Amino acid sequence: MDDQKRVMTVNYNDGTLQSFEWDADANRSDLANWYSKFMQSLTEPLLILETSEGLVIIPRQNIKSVEINVLPPKLPPYAIRGVRIIRD
């Protein structure tokens, strides 16, 4: 997966979806750093994303869920592993 795009899809409370992508980085420490920053951002009132055009600032209260196709090197101990998403 290291040569693929990373994708994050934000599911908003109003039912709309917005996806963001970035180039994969084979450096696992960079992935761990990104994941650490993302987990830290979960406690902040705003999700701030830097793009080539500027910033996307999303109020956390508007987010229902976030789906990311990135597996970090280490998950928190409370994470449930081996799950498959089933869509209707």
C-alpha atoms as a PDB file:
ATOM      1  CA  MET A   1       0.000   0.000   0.000  1.00  0.00           C
ATOM      2  CA  ASP A   2       2.996   2.325   0.304  1.00  0.00           C
ATOM      3  CA  ASP A   3       2.737   3.420  -3.344  1.00  0.00           C
ATOM      4  CA  GLN A   4      -0.970   4.302  -3.132  1.00  0.00           C
ATOM      5  CA  LYS A   5      -2.803   7.458  -2.221  1.00  0.00           C
ATOM      6  CA  ARG A   6      -3.989   7.845   1.342  1.00  0.00           C
ATOM      7  CA  VAL A   7      -7.649   8.816   1.587  1.00  0.00           C
ATOM      8  CA  MET A   8      -9.616  10.331   4.450  1.00  0.00           C
ATOM      9  CA  THR A   9     -13.385  10.665   4.112  1.00  0.00           C
ATOM     10  CA  VAL A  10     -15.276  12.936   6.480  1.00  0.00           C
ATOM     11  CA  ASN A  11     -18.945  12.096   7.054  1.00  0.00           C
ATOM     12  CA  TYR A  12     -20.735  15.254   8.188  1.00  0.00           C
ATOM     13  CA  ASN A  13     -23.753  15.401  10.485  1.00  0.00           C
ATOM     14  CA  ASP A  14     -25.944  16.534   7.564  1.00  0.00           C
ATOM     15  CA  GLY A  15     -25.140  13.324   5.654  1.00  0.00           C
ATOM     16  CA  THR A  16     -22.698  14.804   3.130  1.00  0.00           C
ATOM     17  CA  LEU A  17     -19.262  13.295   2.537  1.00  0.00           C
ATOM     18  CA  GLN A  18     -15.984  14.991   1.675  1.00  0.00           C
ATOM     19  CA  SER A  19     -12.811  13.084   0.781  1.00  0.00           C
ATOM     20  CA  PHE A  20      -9.211  14.218   0.971  1.00  0.00           C
ATOM     21  CA  GLU A  21      -6.135  12.447  -0.388  1.00  0.00           C
ATOM     22  CA  TRP A  22      -2.383  12.703  -0.044  1.00  0.00           C
ATOM     23  CA  ASP A  23       0.587  10.766  -1.341  1.00  0.00           C
ATOM     24  CA  ALA A  24       1.657   7.737   0.631  1.00  0.00           C
ATOM     25  CA  ASP A  25       4.996   7.896   2.376  1.00  0.00           C
ATOM     26  CA  ALA A  26       6.879   4.636   2.825  1.00  0.00           C
ATOM     27  CA  ASN A  27       8.569   6.022   5.933  1.00  0.00           C
ATOM     28  CA  ARG A  28       6.782   4.373   8.861  1.00  0.00           C
ATOM     29  CA  SER A  29       7.976   7.021  11.332  1.00  0.00           C
ATOM     30  CA  ASP A  30       6.275   9.704   9.204  1.00  0.00           C
ATOM     31  CA  LEU A  31       3.085   7.631   9.264  1.00  0.00           C
ATOM     32  CA  ALA A  32       3.344   7.261  13.035  1.00  0.00           C
ATOM     33  CA  ASN A  33       3.849  11.019  13.349  1.00  0.00           C
ATOM     34  CA  TRP A  34       0.825  11.727  11.134  1.00  0.00           C
ATOM     35  CA  TYR A  35      -1.329   9.302  13.104  1.00  0.00           C
ATOM     36  CA  SER A  36      -0.218  10.840  16.402  1.00  0.00           C
ATOM     37  CA  LYS A  37      -1.175  14.315  15.135  1.00  0.00           C
ATOM     38  CA  PHE A  38      -4.533  13.021  13.894  1.00  0.00           C
ATOM     39  CA  MET A  39      -5.318  11.366  17.232  1.00  0.00           C
ATOM     40  CA  GLN A  40      -4.371  14.580  19.027  1.00  0.00           C
ATOM     41  CA  SER A  41      -6.644  16.564  16.703  1.00  0.00           C
ATOM     42  CA  LEU A  42      -9.616  14.499  17.906  1.00  0.00           C
ATOM     43  CA  THR A  43      -9.592  16.486  21.142  1.00  0.00           C
ATOM     44  CA  GLU A  44      -9.451  19.861  19.396  1.00  0.00           C
ATOM     45  CA  PRO A  45     -12.556  21.848  18.395  1.00  0.00           C
ATOM     46  CA  LEU A  46     -11.336  22.178  14.774  1.00  0.00           C
ATOM     47  CA  LEU A  47      -9.924  19.685  12.265  1.00  0.00           C
ATOM     48  CA  ILE A  48      -7.410  21.704  10.242  1.00  0.00           C
ATOM     49  CA  LEU A  49      -6.151  20.297   6.933  1.00  0.00           C
ATOM     50  CA  GLU A  50      -3.452  21.930   4.837  1.00  0.00           C
ATOM     51  CA  THR A  51      -3.993  21.604   1.081  1.00  0.00           C
ATOM     52  CA  SER A  52      -2.091  22.947  -1.899  1.00  0.00           C
ATOM     53  CA  GLU A  53      -4.760  25.667  -2.194  1.00  0.00           C
ATOM     54  CA  GLY A  54      -4.816  26.681   1.475  1.00  0.00           C
ATOM     55  CA  LEU A  55      -6.516  25.416   4.618  1.00  0.00           C
ATOM     56  CA  VAL A  56      -9.691  23.441   5.155  1.00  0.00           C
ATOM     57  CA  ILE A  57     -11.025  24.093   8.655  1.00  0.00           C
ATOM     58  CA  ILE A  58     -13.818  21.813   9.833  1.00  0.00           C
ATOM     59  CA  PRO A  59     -15.562  22.337  13.172  1.00  0.00           C
ATOM     60  CA  ARG A  60     -15.431  19.031  15.059  1.00  0.00           C
ATOM     61  CA  GLN A  61     -19.103  19.434  16.045  1.00  0.00           C
ATOM     62  CA  ASN A  62     -20.045  19.083  12.333  1.00  0.00           C
ATOM     63  CA  ILE A  63     -18.328  15.677  11.970  1.00  0.00           C
ATOM     64  CA  LYS A  64     -20.247  12.445  12.436  1.00  0.00           C
ATOM     65  CA  SER A  65     -17.352  10.108  11.559  1.00  0.00           C
ATOM     66  CA  VAL A  66     -14.006   9.922   9.753  1.00  0.00           C
ATOM     67  CA  GLU A  67     -12.777   6.996   7.640  1.00  0.00           C
ATOM     68  CA  ILE A  68      -9.086   6.715   6.780  1.00  0.00           C
ATOM     69  CA  ASN A  69      -7.401   4.047   4.655  1.00  0.00           C
ATOM     70  CA  VAL A  70      -4.179   4.373   6.666  1.00  0.00           C
ATOM     71  CA  LEU A  71      -3.121   1.746   9.150  1.00  0.00           C
ATOM     72  CA  PRO A  72      -0.724   3.217  11.691  1.00  0.00           C
ATOM     73  CA  PRO A  73       2.233   1.206  12.961  1.00  0.00           C
ATOM     74  CA  LYS A  74       0.546   0.856  16.346  1.00  0.00           C
ATOM     75  CA  LEU A  75      -3.092   1.151  17.391  1.00  0.00           C
ATOM     76  CA  PRO A  76      -4.283   2.133  20.857  1.00  0.00           C
ATOM     77  CA  PRO A  77      -5.036  -0.840  23.129  1.00  0.00           C
ATOM     78  CA  TYR A  78      -8.786  -0.170  23.021  1.00  0.00           C
ATOM     79  CA  ALA A  79      -8.953  -0.486  19.195  1.00  0.00           C
ATOM     80  CA  ILE A  80     -10.935  -3.448  17.864  1.00  0.00           C
ATOM     81  CA  ARG A  81      -8.894  -5.235  15.191  1.00  0.00           C
ATOM     82  CA  GLY A  82      -9.914  -7.395  12.235  1.00  0.00           C
ATOM     83  CA  VAL A  83     -13.183  -5.585  11.539  1.00  0.00           C
ATOM     84  CA  ARG A  84     -14.788  -5.606   8.069  1.00  0.00           C
ATOM     85  CA  ILE A  85     -17.117  -2.828   6.939  1.00  0.00           C
ATOM     86  CA  ILE A  86     -20.441  -4.079   5.605  1.00  0.00           C
ATOM     87  CA  ARG A  87     -22.411  -1.620   3.512  1.00  0.00           C
ATOM     88  CA  ASP A  88     -26.063  -2.030   2.543  1.00  0.00           C
END
